[in-house]
Amino acid sequence: MLKAAKVATLFLVIATLLSLAFQVVVIPTPSMEGAVLVGDHLLIDRFAYGPEIPWTHLRLPRLKRPERGDVVSFHPPGHNDDVYLKRVIAIGGDHVEWREGLVFVNGQRRVDLCERSTSQDQQDIEVPIGQIYLLGDNRNHSEDSRSWGTVPETNVVGEPVMVLWSIASPTRRWLTSQSSVYLDHPIAHLRWQRLFQRIQ
């Protein structure tokens, strides 16, 4: 009986550590198409960004800071219960300027973001130290720093590691329920080529 209790305790400790370090999320919108697709289930590494300890407001130490080009999950300003996925375009001290739908950082065009925005973006800002400027890869279908400005680095909660699995044409119920993934779709809807694909 004592041995069983020790095994149960060990299992609980391991499960808690894994829940701190990793999270599985589903992509519900096309704002990051190019890197991820609607219906992708991503494994998010939260450990490097200091995850919050359950039932407390304490966080583990941050081991990493976001860098230009990183894809990160974060809480957008004013929406602390929501988690978005976007790409870091600029970090604290950088100058961001929009010219005719194209984005320039420190005077250099971001060539990895070749899509021209059709909206009339007229921003010209200096990113404050400790903040980041984020954009969706699919810029014409993304709510990002053009809408709510820069984001504190402390709002970053993790970064996607890989696509665990992906479902084509997911239902609305599937996108909003963690359990529906096991009920709503036959194997035929699985995007086999995306399984375990790393996020660039």
N, C-alpha and C. Protein backbone atom coordinates (compact mmCIF):
# COMPACT_ATOMS: atom_id res chain seq x y z
N MET A 1 0.83 -1.21 0.00
CA MET A 1 0.00 0.00 0.00
C MET A 1 0.87 1.26 0.00
N LEU A 2 1.94 1.21 0.80
CA LEU A 2 2.86 2.34 0.87
C LEU A 2 3.55 2.56 -0.46
N LYS A 3 3.91 1.48 -1.13
CA LYS A 3 4.56 1.57 -2.44
C LYS A 3 3.62 2.21 -3.46
N ALA A 4 2.36 1.81 -3.43
CA ALA A 4 1.37 2.38 -4.35
C ALA A 4 1.20 3.88 -4.12
N ALA A 5 1.23 4.31 -2.85
CA ALA A 5 1.12 5.73 -2.53
C ALA A 5 2.31 6.51 -3.07
N LYS A 6 3.50 5.93 -2.98
CA LYS A 6 4.71 6.58 -3.50
C LYS A 6 4.65 6.72 -5.02
N VAL A 7 4.17 5.66 -5.68
CA VAL A 7 4.04 5.70 -7.13
C VAL A 7 3.03 6.77 -7.55
N ALA A 8 1.90 6.85 -6.81
CA ALA A 8 0.88 7.85 -7.12
C ALA A 8 1.42 9.26 -6.91
N THR A 9 2.19 9.44 -5.84
CA THR A 9 2.78 10.76 -5.57
C THR A 9 3.77 11.14 -6.67
N LEU A 10 4.60 10.17 -7.06
CA LEU A 10 5.58 10.42 -8.13
C LEU A 10 4.87 10.77 -9.44
N PHE A 11 3.80 10.04 -9.74
CA PHE A 11 3.04 10.32 -10.96
C PHE A 11 2.45 11.73 -10.92
N LEU A 12 1.93 12.13 -9.74
CA LEU A 12 1.34 13.46 -9.60
C LEU A 12 2.39 14.55 -9.78
N VAL A 13 3.58 14.33 -9.22
CA VAL A 13 4.67 15.31 -9.36
C VAL A 13 5.08 15.44 -10.83
N ILE A 14 5.24 14.32 -11.51
CA ILE A 14 5.64 14.33 -12.93
C ILE A 14 4.57 15.02 -13.77
N ALA A 15 3.29 14.71 -13.52
CA ALA A 15 2.19 15.32 -14.27
C ALA A 15 2.16 16.83 -14.06
N THR A 16 2.42 17.26 -12.81
CA THR A 16 2.43 18.70 -12.52
C THR A 16 3.57 19.40 -13.25
N LEU A 17 4.75 18.78 -13.24
CA LEU A 17 5.90 19.36 -13.93
C LEU A 17 5.66 19.45 -15.43
N LEU A 18 5.05 18.40 -16.00
CA LEU A 18 4.76 18.42 -17.43
C LEU A 18 3.74 19.49 -17.78
N SER A 19 2.72 19.68 -16.91
CA SER A 19 1.71 20.70 -17.17
C SER A 19 2.30 22.11 -17.06
N LEU A 20 3.32 22.26 -16.22
CA LEU A 20 4.01 23.54 -16.12
C LEU A 20 4.82 23.81 -17.38
N ALA A 21 5.49 22.77 -17.87
CA ALA A 21 6.44 22.94 -18.96
C ALA A 21 5.78 22.96 -20.34
N PHE A 22 4.69 22.24 -20.51
CA PHE A 22 4.10 22.08 -21.85
C PHE A 22 2.59 22.30 -21.82
N GLN A 23 2.08 22.70 -22.99
CA GLN A 23 0.64 22.91 -23.17
C GLN A 23 0.31 22.55 -24.61
N VAL A 24 -0.88 22.01 -24.81
CA VAL A 24 -1.35 21.71 -26.17
C VAL A 24 -2.47 22.68 -26.51
N VAL A 25 -2.34 23.37 -27.65
CA VAL A 25 -3.36 24.35 -28.07
C VAL A 25 -3.78 24.06 -29.51
N VAL A 26 -5.00 24.48 -29.82
CA VAL A 26 -5.51 24.33 -31.18
C VAL A 26 -5.54 25.69 -31.85
N ILE A 27 -5.26 25.74 -33.15
CA ILE A 27 -5.26 27.00 -33.91
C ILE A 27 -6.65 27.21 -34.51
N PRO A 28 -7.37 28.27 -34.09
CA PRO A 28 -8.74 28.48 -34.56
C PRO A 28 -8.88 29.49 -35.70
N THR A 29 -7.82 30.26 -36.01
CA THR A 29 -7.93 31.31 -37.03
C THR A 29 -6.77 31.22 -38.02
N PRO A 30 -6.91 31.85 -39.19
CA PRO A 30 -5.85 31.79 -40.21
C PRO A 30 -4.79 32.88 -40.07
N SER A 31 -4.70 33.55 -38.92
CA SER A 31 -3.81 34.71 -38.79
C SER A 31 -2.33 34.37 -38.92
N MET A 32 -1.97 33.10 -38.68
CA MET A 32 -0.56 32.69 -38.79
C MET A 32 -0.34 31.69 -39.91
N GLU A 33 -1.25 31.69 -40.90
CA GLU A 33 -1.07 30.78 -42.04
C GLU A 33 0.26 31.05 -42.71
N GLY A 34 0.94 29.98 -43.02
CA GLY A 34 2.32 30.06 -43.48
C GLY A 34 3.16 29.27 -42.51
N ALA A 35 3.00 29.60 -41.21
CA ALA A 35 3.68 28.84 -40.16
C ALA A 35 2.78 27.72 -39.63
N VAL A 36 1.50 28.04 -39.40
CA VAL A 36 0.54 27.05 -38.90
C VAL A 36 -0.77 27.20 -39.64
N LEU A 37 -1.62 26.18 -39.54
CA LEU A 37 -2.91 26.17 -40.21
C LEU A 37 -4.04 26.03 -39.20
N VAL A 38 -5.23 26.50 -39.58
CA VAL A 38 -6.42 26.25 -38.77
C VAL A 38 -6.59 24.74 -38.63
N GLY A 39 -6.76 24.29 -37.41
CA GLY A 39 -6.90 22.85 -37.16
C GLY A 39 -5.63 22.20 -36.67
N ASP A 40 -4.50 22.93 -36.69
CA ASP A 40 -3.26 22.39 -36.12
C ASP A 40 -3.38 22.31 -34.60
N HIS A 41 -2.89 21.24 -34.03
CA HIS A 41 -2.75 21.10 -32.58
C HIS A 41 -1.26 21.22 -32.27
N LEU A 42 -0.88 22.28 -31.54
CA LEU A 42 0.52 22.57 -31.31
C LEU A 42 0.95 22.21 -29.90
N LEU A 43 2.19 21.73 -29.79
CA LEU A 43 2.81 21.54 -28.48
C LEU A 43 3.56 22.83 -28.15
N ILE A 44 3.17 23.47 -27.05
CA ILE A 44 3.76 24.74 -26.63
C ILE A 44 4.73 24.49 -25.48
N ASP A 45 5.98 24.94 -25.65
CA ASP A 45 6.97 24.88 -24.58
C ASP A 45 6.84 26.14 -23.73
N ARG A 46 6.43 25.99 -22.48
CA ARG A 46 6.22 27.13 -21.60
C ARG A 46 7.36 27.31 -20.60
N PHE A 47 8.20 26.31 -20.46
CA PHE A 47 9.18 26.30 -19.38
C PHE A 47 10.16 27.47 -19.47
N ALA A 48 10.65 27.75 -20.69
CA ALA A 48 11.69 28.78 -20.85
C ALA A 48 11.19 30.18 -20.51
N TYR A 49 9.86 30.39 -20.54
CA TYR A 49 9.32 31.71 -20.29
C TYR A 49 8.73 31.86 -18.88
N GLY A 50 9.09 30.95 -17.98
CA GLY A 50 8.67 31.09 -16.59
C GLY A 50 7.20 30.85 -16.37
N PRO A 51 6.73 29.59 -16.46
CA PRO A 51 5.30 29.33 -16.29
C PRO A 51 4.82 29.65 -14.87
N GLU A 52 3.53 29.96 -14.79
CA GLU A 52 2.92 30.25 -13.49
C GLU A 52 2.66 28.97 -12.73
N ILE A 53 2.99 28.96 -11.44
CA ILE A 53 2.76 27.79 -10.60
C ILE A 53 1.26 27.71 -10.30
N PRO A 54 0.64 26.52 -10.51
CA PRO A 54 -0.81 26.39 -10.31
C PRO A 54 -1.25 26.83 -8.91
N TRP A 55 -2.42 27.47 -8.86
CA TRP A 55 -3.07 27.93 -7.62
C TRP A 55 -2.28 29.02 -6.91
N THR A 56 -1.35 29.64 -7.61
CA THR A 56 -0.60 30.77 -7.03
C THR A 56 -0.47 31.84 -8.11
N HIS A 57 0.07 32.98 -7.74
CA HIS A 57 0.40 34.01 -8.72
C HIS A 57 1.91 34.09 -8.91
N LEU A 58 2.60 33.01 -8.52
CA LEU A 58 4.06 32.96 -8.63
C LEU A 58 4.47 32.33 -9.95
N ARG A 59 5.58 32.80 -10.50
CA ARG A 59 6.10 32.25 -11.74
C ARG A 59 7.52 31.76 -11.53
N LEU A 60 7.88 30.72 -12.26
CA LEU A 60 9.26 30.26 -12.25
C LEU A 60 10.13 31.30 -12.97
N PRO A 61 11.44 31.29 -12.72
CA PRO A 61 12.32 32.27 -13.40
C PRO A 61 12.27 32.10 -14.92
N ARG A 62 12.34 33.23 -15.62
CA ARG A 62 12.39 33.20 -17.08
C ARG A 62 13.81 32.88 -17.53
N LEU A 63 13.93 31.92 -18.42
CA LEU A 63 15.23 31.50 -18.91
C LEU A 63 15.53 32.07 -20.30
N LYS A 64 14.53 32.70 -20.91
CA LYS A 64 14.68 33.16 -22.29
C LYS A 64 13.90 34.45 -22.49
N ARG A 65 14.39 35.27 -23.40
CA ARG A 65 13.67 36.46 -23.83
C ARG A 65 13.32 36.30 -25.31
N PRO A 66 12.17 36.81 -25.73
CA PRO A 66 11.79 36.69 -27.15
C PRO A 66 12.74 37.46 -28.04
N GLU A 67 13.02 36.90 -29.22
CA GLU A 67 13.92 37.51 -30.20
C GLU A 67 13.18 37.72 -31.51
N ARG A 68 13.70 38.61 -32.34
CA ARG A 68 13.09 38.86 -33.65
C ARG A 68 12.97 37.55 -34.43
N GLY A 69 11.80 37.32 -35.01
CA GLY A 69 11.58 36.12 -35.80
C GLY A 69 10.96 34.97 -35.03
N ASP A 70 10.99 35.02 -33.69
CA ASP A 70 10.38 33.95 -32.89
C ASP A 70 8.86 33.96 -33.05
N VAL A 71 8.27 32.78 -33.08
CA VAL A 71 6.81 32.65 -32.96
C VAL A 71 6.52 32.35 -31.49
N VAL A 72 5.66 33.15 -30.88
CA VAL A 72 5.40 33.00 -29.44
C VAL A 72 3.89 33.01 -29.17
N SER A 73 3.52 32.38 -28.06
CA SER A 73 2.16 32.50 -27.53
C SER A 73 2.20 33.50 -26.39
N PHE A 74 1.16 34.30 -26.25
CA PHE A 74 1.19 35.42 -25.31
C PHE A 74 -0.23 35.89 -24.99
N HIS A 75 -0.33 36.67 -23.93
CA HIS A 75 -1.59 37.33 -23.59
C HIS A 75 -1.58 38.72 -24.22
N PRO A 76 -2.52 39.02 -25.11
CA PRO A 76 -2.57 40.37 -25.69
C PRO A 76 -3.03 41.39 -24.66
N PRO A 77 -2.61 42.63 -24.80
CA PRO A 77 -3.01 43.67 -23.84
C PRO A 77 -4.53 43.76 -23.69
N GLY A 78 -4.98 43.77 -22.44
CA GLY A 78 -6.40 43.89 -22.16
C GLY A 78 -7.17 42.59 -22.29
N HIS A 79 -6.49 41.49 -22.63
CA HIS A 79 -7.17 40.19 -22.79
C HIS A 79 -6.35 39.11 -22.08
N ASN A 80 -6.20 39.24 -20.78
CA ASN A 80 -5.32 38.35 -20.04
C ASN A 80 -5.79 36.90 -20.00
N ASP A 81 -7.07 36.66 -20.33
CA ASP A 81 -7.58 35.28 -20.34
C ASP A 81 -7.38 34.63 -21.71
N ASP A 82 -7.02 35.40 -22.71
CA ASP A 82 -6.83 34.87 -24.06
C ASP A 82 -5.34 34.62 -24.32
N VAL A 83 -5.07 33.67 -25.21
CA VAL A 83 -3.69 33.40 -25.63
C VAL A 83 -3.65 33.45 -27.15
N TYR A 84 -2.80 34.31 -27.70
CA TYR A 84 -2.63 34.45 -29.14
C TYR A 84 -1.29 33.87 -29.56
N LEU A 85 -1.17 33.62 -30.85
CA LEU A 85 0.10 33.14 -31.42
C LEU A 85 0.49 34.08 -32.55
N LYS A 86 1.64 34.75 -32.43
CA LYS A 86 2.12 35.68 -33.45
C LYS A 86 3.64 35.60 -33.54
N ARG A 87 4.17 36.34 -34.52
CA ARG A 87 5.62 36.38 -34.71
C ARG A 87 6.20 37.69 -34.19
N VAL A 88 7.32 37.58 -33.49
CA VAL A 88 8.02 38.76 -32.98
C VAL A 88 8.72 39.46 -34.14
N ILE A 89 8.31 40.69 -34.42
CA ILE A 89 8.89 41.47 -35.52
C ILE A 89 9.99 42.40 -35.01
N ALA A 90 9.77 42.95 -33.82
CA ALA A 90 10.74 43.90 -33.27
C ALA A 90 10.75 43.77 -31.75
N ILE A 91 11.91 44.11 -31.16
CA ILE A 91 12.08 44.04 -29.71
C ILE A 91 12.38 45.44 -29.18
N GLY A 92 12.51 45.56 -27.87
CA GLY A 92 12.73 46.86 -27.24
C GLY A 92 13.90 47.61 -27.83
N GLY A 93 13.67 48.88 -28.18
CA GLY A 93 14.70 49.72 -28.78
C GLY A 93 14.65 49.77 -30.29
N ASP A 94 13.89 48.86 -30.92
CA ASP A 94 13.77 48.85 -32.39
C ASP A 94 12.81 49.93 -32.87
N HIS A 95 13.02 50.38 -34.09
CA HIS A 95 12.13 51.34 -34.73
C HIS A 95 11.33 50.62 -35.80
N VAL A 96 10.01 50.69 -35.70
CA VAL A 96 9.11 50.03 -36.66
C VAL A 96 8.39 51.08 -37.48
N GLU A 97 8.43 50.90 -38.80
CA GLU A 97 7.77 51.85 -39.69
C GLU A 97 7.06 51.09 -40.80
N TRP A 98 5.86 51.56 -41.14
CA TRP A 98 5.10 51.00 -42.26
C TRP A 98 5.18 51.95 -43.44
N ARG A 99 5.49 51.40 -44.63
CA ARG A 99 5.52 52.19 -45.84
C ARG A 99 4.75 51.45 -46.93
N GLU A 100 3.61 52.02 -47.33
CA GLU A 100 2.79 51.46 -48.40
C GLU A 100 2.49 49.98 -48.18
N GLY A 101 2.11 49.64 -46.95
CA GLY A 101 1.72 48.26 -46.64
C GLY A 101 2.86 47.33 -46.34
N LEU A 102 4.10 47.82 -46.34
CA LEU A 102 5.27 46.99 -46.03
C LEU A 102 5.88 47.45 -44.71
N VAL A 103 6.42 46.51 -43.95
CA VAL A 103 6.96 46.85 -42.64
C VAL A 103 8.48 46.88 -42.68
N PHE A 104 9.04 47.91 -42.04
CA PHE A 104 10.48 48.10 -41.96
C PHE A 104 10.88 48.16 -40.48
N VAL A 105 11.95 47.47 -40.14
CA VAL A 105 12.47 47.48 -38.77
C VAL A 105 13.89 48.03 -38.81
N ASN A 106 14.10 49.13 -38.10
CA ASN A 106 15.41 49.81 -38.09
C ASN A 106 15.86 50.15 -39.51
N GLY A 107 14.89 50.54 -40.35
CA GLY A 107 15.19 50.96 -41.71
C GLY A 107 15.29 49.85 -42.72
N GLN A 108 15.23 48.57 -42.27
CA GLN A 108 15.37 47.43 -43.17
C GLN A 108 14.01 46.75 -43.34
N ARG A 109 13.65 46.47 -44.59
CA ARG A 109 12.40 45.77 -44.84
C ARG A 109 12.49 44.34 -44.34
N ARG A 110 11.43 43.88 -43.67
CA ARG A 110 11.37 42.50 -43.21
C ARG A 110 11.06 41.60 -44.39
N VAL A 111 12.12 41.05 -45.00
CA VAL A 111 11.94 40.27 -46.22
C VAL A 111 11.26 38.94 -45.96
N ASP A 112 11.27 38.44 -44.71
CA ASP A 112 10.59 37.18 -44.42
C ASP A 112 9.08 37.37 -44.37
N LEU A 113 8.63 38.63 -44.38
CA LEU A 113 7.21 38.93 -44.41
C LEU A 113 6.90 39.66 -45.72
N CYS A 114 6.85 38.90 -46.79
CA CYS A 114 6.74 39.51 -48.12
C CYS A 114 5.33 39.94 -48.46
N GLU A 115 4.34 39.48 -47.69
CA GLU A 115 2.96 39.84 -48.01
C GLU A 115 2.71 41.31 -47.72
N ARG A 116 2.20 42.02 -48.69
CA ARG A 116 1.87 43.42 -48.50
C ARG A 116 0.50 43.53 -47.81
N SER A 117 0.45 44.34 -46.77
CA SER A 117 -0.81 44.54 -46.07
C SER A 117 -1.70 45.45 -46.91
N THR A 118 -2.98 45.06 -47.04
CA THR A 118 -3.91 45.86 -47.82
C THR A 118 -4.51 47.00 -46.99
N SER A 119 -4.34 46.92 -45.66
CA SER A 119 -4.84 48.01 -44.82
C SER A 119 -3.88 49.19 -44.88
N GLN A 120 -4.38 50.36 -44.55
CA GLN A 120 -3.56 51.57 -44.63
C GLN A 120 -2.78 51.78 -43.32
N ASP A 121 -1.79 50.90 -43.09
CA ASP A 121 -1.00 50.99 -41.88
C ASP A 121 -0.06 52.19 -41.97
N GLN A 122 -0.15 53.08 -40.99
CA GLN A 122 0.67 54.29 -41.00
C GLN A 122 1.45 54.43 -39.69
N GLN A 123 1.81 53.32 -39.10
CA GLN A 123 2.51 53.38 -37.83
C GLN A 123 3.99 53.73 -38.02
N ASP A 124 4.50 54.44 -37.05
CA ASP A 124 5.93 54.78 -37.01
C ASP A 124 6.26 54.88 -35.53
N ILE A 125 6.78 53.80 -34.95
CA ILE A 125 6.94 53.77 -33.50
C ILE A 125 8.31 53.24 -33.09
N GLU A 126 8.69 53.62 -31.90
CA GLU A 126 9.86 53.08 -31.24
C GLU A 126 9.36 52.09 -30.19
N VAL A 127 9.84 50.85 -30.27
CA VAL A 127 9.37 49.83 -29.33
C VAL A 127 10.03 50.08 -27.97
N PRO A 128 9.24 50.25 -26.91
CA PRO A 128 9.83 50.49 -25.59
C PRO A 128 10.66 49.29 -25.11
N ILE A 129 11.67 49.56 -24.30
CA ILE A 129 12.47 48.49 -23.72
C ILE A 129 11.55 47.60 -22.87
N GLY A 130 11.73 46.30 -22.99
CA GLY A 130 10.90 45.35 -22.26
C GLY A 130 9.60 45.02 -22.96
N GLN A 131 9.42 45.54 -24.20
CA GLN A 131 8.21 45.27 -24.98
C GLN A 131 8.59 44.64 -26.31
N ILE A 132 7.61 44.05 -27.00
CA ILE A 132 7.83 43.47 -28.32
C ILE A 132 6.70 43.88 -29.24
N TYR A 133 6.99 43.88 -30.54
CA TYR A 133 6.00 44.22 -31.58
C TYR A 133 5.73 42.93 -32.35
N LEU A 134 4.45 42.54 -32.43
CA LEU A 134 4.07 41.24 -32.98
C LEU A 134 3.13 41.39 -34.17
N LEU A 135 3.32 40.54 -35.17
CA LEU A 135 2.43 40.50 -36.33
C LEU A 135 2.09 39.05 -36.67
N GLY A 136 0.90 38.86 -37.25
CA GLY A 136 0.57 37.56 -37.81
C GLY A 136 1.23 37.40 -39.17
N ASP A 137 1.63 36.19 -39.53
CA ASP A 137 2.22 35.95 -40.85
C ASP A 137 1.22 36.25 -41.97
N ASN A 138 -0.05 35.97 -41.72
CA ASN A 138 -1.11 36.24 -42.67
C ASN A 138 -1.68 37.62 -42.34
N ARG A 139 -0.96 38.66 -42.71
CA ARG A 139 -1.18 39.98 -42.15
C ARG A 139 -2.53 40.59 -42.49
N ASN A 140 -3.15 40.18 -43.60
CA ASN A 140 -4.45 40.75 -43.95
C ASN A 140 -5.60 40.09 -43.18
N HIS A 141 -5.27 39.08 -42.35
CA HIS A 141 -6.29 38.41 -41.55
C HIS A 141 -5.79 38.23 -40.12
N SER A 142 -5.18 39.27 -39.59
CA SER A 142 -4.57 39.15 -38.27
C SER A 142 -4.85 40.38 -37.41
N GLU A 143 -5.24 40.12 -36.16
CA GLU A 143 -5.30 41.16 -35.15
C GLU A 143 -3.99 41.09 -34.37
N ASP A 144 -3.22 42.17 -34.37
CA ASP A 144 -1.88 42.11 -33.80
C ASP A 144 -1.46 43.49 -33.29
N SER A 145 -0.16 43.75 -33.25
CA SER A 145 0.33 45.02 -32.67
C SER A 145 -0.15 46.25 -33.43
N ARG A 146 -0.64 46.08 -34.65
CA ARG A 146 -1.23 47.21 -35.35
C ARG A 146 -2.52 47.65 -34.67
N SER A 147 -3.18 46.71 -33.97
CA SER A 147 -4.44 47.01 -33.29
C SER A 147 -4.22 47.43 -31.84
N TRP A 148 -3.39 46.66 -31.10
CA TRP A 148 -3.26 46.94 -29.68
C TRP A 148 -1.85 47.33 -29.25
N GLY A 149 -0.99 47.66 -30.18
CA GLY A 149 0.32 48.18 -29.83
C GLY A 149 1.30 47.12 -29.38
N THR A 150 2.37 47.56 -28.74
CA THR A 150 3.41 46.64 -28.30
C THR A 150 2.92 45.84 -27.09
N VAL A 151 3.63 44.75 -26.82
CA VAL A 151 3.24 43.81 -25.77
C VAL A 151 4.39 43.64 -24.79
N PRO A 152 4.14 43.68 -23.49
CA PRO A 152 5.22 43.43 -22.53
C PRO A 152 5.81 42.03 -22.70
N GLU A 153 7.12 41.92 -22.60
CA GLU A 153 7.76 40.60 -22.70
C GLU A 153 7.20 39.63 -21.67
N THR A 154 6.78 40.16 -20.52
CA THR A 154 6.25 39.30 -19.46
C THR A 154 4.92 38.67 -19.84
N ASN A 155 4.27 39.16 -20.91
CA ASN A 155 3.02 38.55 -21.37
C ASN A 155 3.24 37.28 -22.18
N VAL A 156 4.49 37.04 -22.60
CA VAL A 156 4.80 35.83 -23.37
C VAL A 156 4.73 34.63 -22.45
N VAL A 157 3.99 33.60 -22.88
CA VAL A 157 3.83 32.40 -22.04
C VAL A 157 4.52 31.17 -22.60
N GLY A 158 4.92 31.21 -23.88
CA GLY A 158 5.59 30.03 -24.43
C GLY A 158 5.87 30.18 -25.91
N GLU A 159 6.40 29.11 -26.49
CA GLU A 159 6.66 29.08 -27.92
C GLU A 159 6.30 27.71 -28.47
N PRO A 160 5.74 27.65 -29.69
CA PRO A 160 5.35 26.36 -30.26
C PRO A 160 6.57 25.55 -30.67
N VAL A 161 6.54 24.27 -30.36
CA VAL A 161 7.64 23.37 -30.68
C VAL A 161 7.35 22.62 -31.98
N MET A 162 6.16 22.04 -32.06
CA MET A 162 5.81 21.24 -33.24
C MET A 162 4.31 21.08 -33.35
N VAL A 163 3.87 20.62 -34.52
CA VAL A 163 2.48 20.23 -34.74
C VAL A 163 2.33 18.78 -34.28
N LEU A 164 1.51 18.55 -33.26
CA LEU A 164 1.29 17.18 -32.80
C LEU A 164 0.38 16.43 -33.77
N TRP A 165 -0.70 17.09 -34.17
CA TRP A 165 -1.59 16.55 -35.21
C TRP A 165 -2.39 17.69 -35.79
N SER A 166 -3.04 17.45 -36.91
CA SER A 166 -3.77 18.51 -37.59
C SER A 166 -4.98 17.93 -38.29
N ILE A 167 -6.11 18.62 -38.16
CA ILE A 167 -7.36 18.18 -38.76
C ILE A 167 -7.81 19.17 -39.82
N ALA A 168 -8.09 18.69 -41.02
CA ALA A 168 -8.58 19.55 -42.10
C ALA A 168 -10.06 19.87 -41.87
N SER A 169 -10.46 21.09 -42.18
CA SER A 169 -11.85 21.55 -42.07
C SER A 169 -12.47 21.22 -40.72
N PRO A 170 -11.87 21.69 -39.63
CA PRO A 170 -12.43 21.39 -38.30
C PRO A 170 -13.75 22.11 -38.07
N THR A 171 -14.60 21.49 -37.26
CA THR A 171 -15.87 22.11 -36.92
C THR A 171 -15.65 23.18 -35.85
N ARG A 172 -16.64 24.05 -35.67
CA ARG A 172 -16.54 25.07 -34.63
C ARG A 172 -16.44 24.43 -33.25
N ARG A 173 -17.19 23.35 -33.02
CA ARG A 173 -17.13 22.66 -31.72
C ARG A 173 -15.73 22.12 -31.48
N TRP A 174 -15.10 21.62 -32.53
CA TRP A 174 -13.75 21.08 -32.38
C TRP A 174 -12.76 22.17 -32.01
N LEU A 175 -12.93 23.35 -32.58
CA LEU A 175 -11.99 24.44 -32.30
C LEU A 175 -12.13 24.99 -30.89
N THR A 176 -13.29 24.82 -30.27
CA THR A 176 -13.51 25.40 -28.95
C THR A 176 -13.54 24.38 -27.83
N SER A 177 -13.39 23.10 -28.15
CA SER A 177 -13.44 22.06 -27.13
C SER A 177 -12.25 21.13 -27.27
N GLN A 178 -11.50 20.95 -26.18
CA GLN A 178 -10.35 20.06 -26.21
C GLN A 178 -10.75 18.61 -26.44
N SER A 179 -11.94 18.22 -26.00
CA SER A 179 -12.34 16.81 -26.11
C SER A 179 -12.91 16.45 -27.48
N SER A 180 -13.45 17.44 -28.18
CA SER A 180 -14.12 17.15 -29.45
C SER A 180 -13.18 16.59 -30.50
N VAL A 181 -11.87 16.86 -30.38
CA VAL A 181 -10.92 16.35 -31.34
C VAL A 181 -10.99 14.83 -31.46
N TYR A 182 -11.38 14.18 -30.36
CA TYR A 182 -11.42 12.72 -30.37
C TYR A 182 -12.76 12.18 -30.87
N LEU A 183 -13.73 13.08 -31.09
CA LEU A 183 -15.08 12.63 -31.41
C LEU A 183 -15.57 13.06 -32.78
N ASP A 184 -15.13 14.22 -33.25
CA ASP A 184 -15.77 14.84 -34.40
C ASP A 184 -15.26 14.38 -35.76
N HIS A 185 -14.04 13.83 -35.83
CA HIS A 185 -13.45 13.61 -37.14
C HIS A 185 -12.89 12.21 -37.30
N PRO A 186 -13.16 11.60 -38.42
CA PRO A 186 -12.52 10.31 -38.71
C PRO A 186 -11.05 10.52 -39.08
N ILE A 187 -10.31 9.43 -39.10
CA ILE A 187 -8.89 9.48 -39.43
C ILE A 187 -8.67 10.10 -40.81
N ALA A 188 -9.66 9.97 -41.69
CA ALA A 188 -9.52 10.48 -43.05
C ALA A 188 -9.30 11.98 -43.09
N HIS A 189 -9.68 12.70 -42.03
CA HIS A 189 -9.52 14.16 -42.00
C HIS A 189 -8.17 14.59 -41.45
N LEU A 190 -7.37 13.62 -41.03
CA LEU A 190 -6.07 13.96 -40.45
C LEU A 190 -5.10 14.40 -41.55
N ARG A 191 -4.38 15.51 -41.30
CA ARG A 191 -3.33 15.96 -42.23
C ARG A 191 -2.03 15.24 -41.84
N TRP A 192 -1.83 14.07 -42.42
CA TRP A 192 -0.70 13.23 -42.02
C TRP A 192 0.64 13.93 -42.24
N GLN A 193 0.73 14.74 -43.30
CA GLN A 193 2.01 15.36 -43.63
C GLN A 193 2.43 16.41 -42.61
N ARG A 194 1.52 16.85 -41.76
CA ARG A 194 1.85 17.89 -40.78
C ARG A 194 2.23 17.30 -39.41
N LEU A 195 2.05 16.01 -39.22
CA LEU A 195 2.35 15.41 -37.93
C LEU A 195 3.82 15.60 -37.57
N PHE A 196 4.07 16.14 -36.38
CA PHE A 196 5.40 16.35 -35.80
C PHE A 196 6.25 17.33 -36.60
N GLN A 197 5.59 18.17 -37.40
CA GLN A 197 6.31 19.20 -38.15
C GLN A 197 6.72 20.33 -37.21
N ARG A 198 7.98 20.75 -37.28
CA ARG A 198 8.47 21.81 -36.42
C ARG A 198 7.97 23.18 -36.94
N ILE A 199 7.79 24.13 -36.02
CA ILE A 199 7.30 25.46 -36.36
C ILE A 199 8.49 26.37 -36.65
N GLN A 200 8.48 27.00 -37.82
CA GLN A 200 9.57 27.90 -38.20
C GLN A 200 9.15 29.36 -37.96
